[in-house]
Amino acid sequence: MKAAIDVTELKANLLDKETTLQTISNAEKVRAAEKEALMRTDLVEDEAESSKRAVKILEQLEEAKAVNLELEN
């Protein structure tokens, strides 16, 4: 009878450890996904900043062209 109780306790202990391991594994997956999302967000922010600079440069170019046209007339 004692052996059956020991086996039952060992199975319960193993199940607890497997549950803990699964929880840790899931937490690591979540952290990895969060890290990836942050990296992608940084990339998108960098691209947006580059686009803003490009728009500003194009606006300045258009202004310079307009000034040149006025000076030529």
C-alpha atoms as a PDB file:
ATOM      1  CA  MET A   1       0.000   0.000   0.000  1.00  0.00           C
ATOM      2  CA  LYS A   2       2.893   2.340   0.844  1.00  0.00           C
ATOM      3  CA  ALA A   3       4.408   1.761  -2.592  1.00  0.00           C
ATOM      4  CA  ALA A   4       1.134   2.704  -4.285  1.00  0.00           C
ATOM      5  CA  ILE A   5       0.991   5.940  -2.270  1.00  0.00           C
ATOM      6  CA  ASP A   6       4.636   6.696  -3.112  1.00  0.00           C
ATOM      7  CA  VAL A   7       3.953   6.129  -6.825  1.00  0.00           C
ATOM      8  CA  THR A   8       0.882   8.366  -6.655  1.00  0.00           C
ATOM      9  CA  GLU A   9       2.894  11.084  -4.883  1.00  0.00           C
ATOM     10  CA  LEU A  10       5.708  10.754  -7.411  1.00  0.00           C
ATOM     11  CA  LYS A  11       3.233  11.049 -10.302  1.00  0.00           C
ATOM     12  CA  ALA A  12       1.669  14.126  -8.725  1.00  0.00           C
ATOM     13  CA  ASN A  13       5.113  15.623  -8.150  1.00  0.00           C
ATOM     14  CA  LEU A  14       6.097  14.891 -11.757  1.00  0.00           C
ATOM     15  CA  LEU A  15       2.874  16.471 -13.017  1.00  0.00           C
ATOM     16  CA  ASP A  16       3.580  19.597 -10.939  1.00  0.00           C
ATOM     17  CA  LYS A  17       7.095  19.820 -12.333  1.00  0.00           C
ATOM     18  CA  GLU A  18       5.837  19.362 -15.904  1.00  0.00           C
ATOM     19  CA  THR A  19       3.278  22.113 -15.335  1.00  0.00           C
ATOM     20  CA  THR A  20       5.985  24.396 -13.953  1.00  0.00           C
ATOM     21  CA  LEU A  21       8.255  23.624 -16.898  1.00  0.00           C
ATOM     22  CA  GLN A  22       5.438  24.339 -19.350  1.00  0.00           C
ATOM     23  CA  THR A  23       4.716  27.647 -17.616  1.00  0.00           C
ATOM     24  CA  ILE A  24       8.385  28.647 -17.802  1.00  0.00           C
ATOM     25  CA  SER A  25       8.547  27.609 -21.455  1.00  0.00           C
ATOM     26  CA  ASN A  26       5.460  29.653 -22.268  1.00  0.00           C
ATOM     27  CA  ALA A  27       6.880  32.665 -20.407  1.00  0.00           C
ATOM     28  CA  GLU A  28      10.088  32.405 -22.424  1.00  0.00           C
ATOM     29  CA  LYS A  29       8.077  32.254 -25.652  1.00  0.00           C
ATOM     30  CA  VAL A  30       6.141  35.346 -24.585  1.00  0.00           C
ATOM     31  CA  ARG A  31       9.371  37.192 -23.776  1.00  0.00           C
ATOM     32  CA  ALA A  32      10.851  36.233 -27.136  1.00  0.00           C
ATOM     33  CA  ALA A  33       7.709  37.448 -28.915  1.00  0.00           C
ATOM     34  CA  GLU A  34       7.796  40.725 -26.963  1.00  0.00           C
ATOM     35  CA  LYS A  35      11.457  41.212 -27.852  1.00  0.00           C
ATOM     36  CA  GLU A  36      10.704  40.584 -31.530  1.00  0.00           C
ATOM     37  CA  ALA A  37       7.773  43.022 -31.406  1.00  0.00           C
ATOM     38  CA  LEU A  38       9.990  45.695 -29.839  1.00  0.00           C
ATOM     39  CA  MET A  39      12.646  45.183 -32.493  1.00  0.00           C
ATOM     40  CA  ARG A  40      10.024  45.490 -35.237  1.00  0.00           C
ATOM     41  CA  THR A  41       8.573  48.590 -33.588  1.00  0.00           C
ATOM     42  CA  ASP A  42      12.033  50.164 -33.487  1.00  0.00           C
ATOM     43  CA  LEU A  43      12.513  49.317 -37.153  1.00  0.00           C
ATOM     44  CA  VAL A  44       9.170  50.853 -38.114  1.00  0.00           C
ATOM     45  CA  GLU A  45       9.958  53.968 -36.058  1.00  0.00           C
ATOM     46  CA  ASP A  46      13.332  54.298 -37.797  1.00  0.00           C
ATOM     47  CA  GLU A  47      11.667  53.928 -41.197  1.00  0.00           C
ATOM     48  CA  ALA A  48       9.050  56.518 -40.269  1.00  0.00           C
ATOM     49  CA  GLU A  49      11.764  58.939 -39.175  1.00  0.00           C
ATOM     50  CA  SER A  50      13.611  58.386 -42.447  1.00  0.00           C
ATOM     51  CA  SER A  51      10.405  59.024 -44.371  1.00  0.00           C
ATOM     52  CA  LYS A  52       9.831  62.261 -42.459  1.00  0.00           C
ATOM     53  CA  ARG A  53      13.356  63.403 -43.322  1.00  0.00           C
ATOM     54  CA  ALA A  54      12.815  62.491 -46.979  1.00  0.00           C
ATOM     55  CA  VAL A  55       9.553  64.459 -47.068  1.00  0.00           C
ATOM     56  CA  LYS A  56      11.265  67.461 -45.479  1.00  0.00           C
ATOM     57  CA  ILE A  57      14.082  67.291 -48.040  1.00  0.00           C
ATOM     58  CA  LEU A  58      11.587  67.055 -50.903  1.00  0.00           C
ATOM     59  CA  GLU A  59       9.701  70.068 -49.543  1.00  0.00           C
ATOM     60  CA  GLN A  60      12.945  72.038 -49.354  1.00  0.00           C
ATOM     61  CA  LEU A  61      13.805  70.998 -52.902  1.00  0.00           C
ATOM     62  CA  GLU A  62      10.405  72.147 -54.147  1.00  0.00           C
ATOM     63  CA  GLU A  63      10.871  75.478 -52.366  1.00  0.00           C
ATOM     64  CA  ALA A  64      14.307  75.886 -53.917  1.00  0.00           C
ATOM     65  CA  LYS A  65      12.884  75.139 -57.370  1.00  0.00           C
ATOM     66  CA  ALA A  66      10.146  77.729 -56.833  1.00  0.00           C
ATOM     67  CA  VAL A  67      12.726  80.330 -55.792  1.00  0.00           C
ATOM     68  CA  ASN A  68      14.875  79.527 -58.825  1.00  0.00           C
ATOM     69  CA  LEU A  69      11.870  79.895 -61.135  1.00  0.00           C
ATOM     70  CA  GLU A  70      11.086  83.303 -59.607  1.00  0.00           C
ATOM     71  CA  LEU A  71      14.685  84.398 -60.009  1.00  0.00           C
ATOM     72  CA  GLU A  72      14.718  83.303 -63.660  1.00  0.00           C
ATOM     73  CA  ASN A  73      11.599  85.327 -64.477  1.00  0.00           C
END
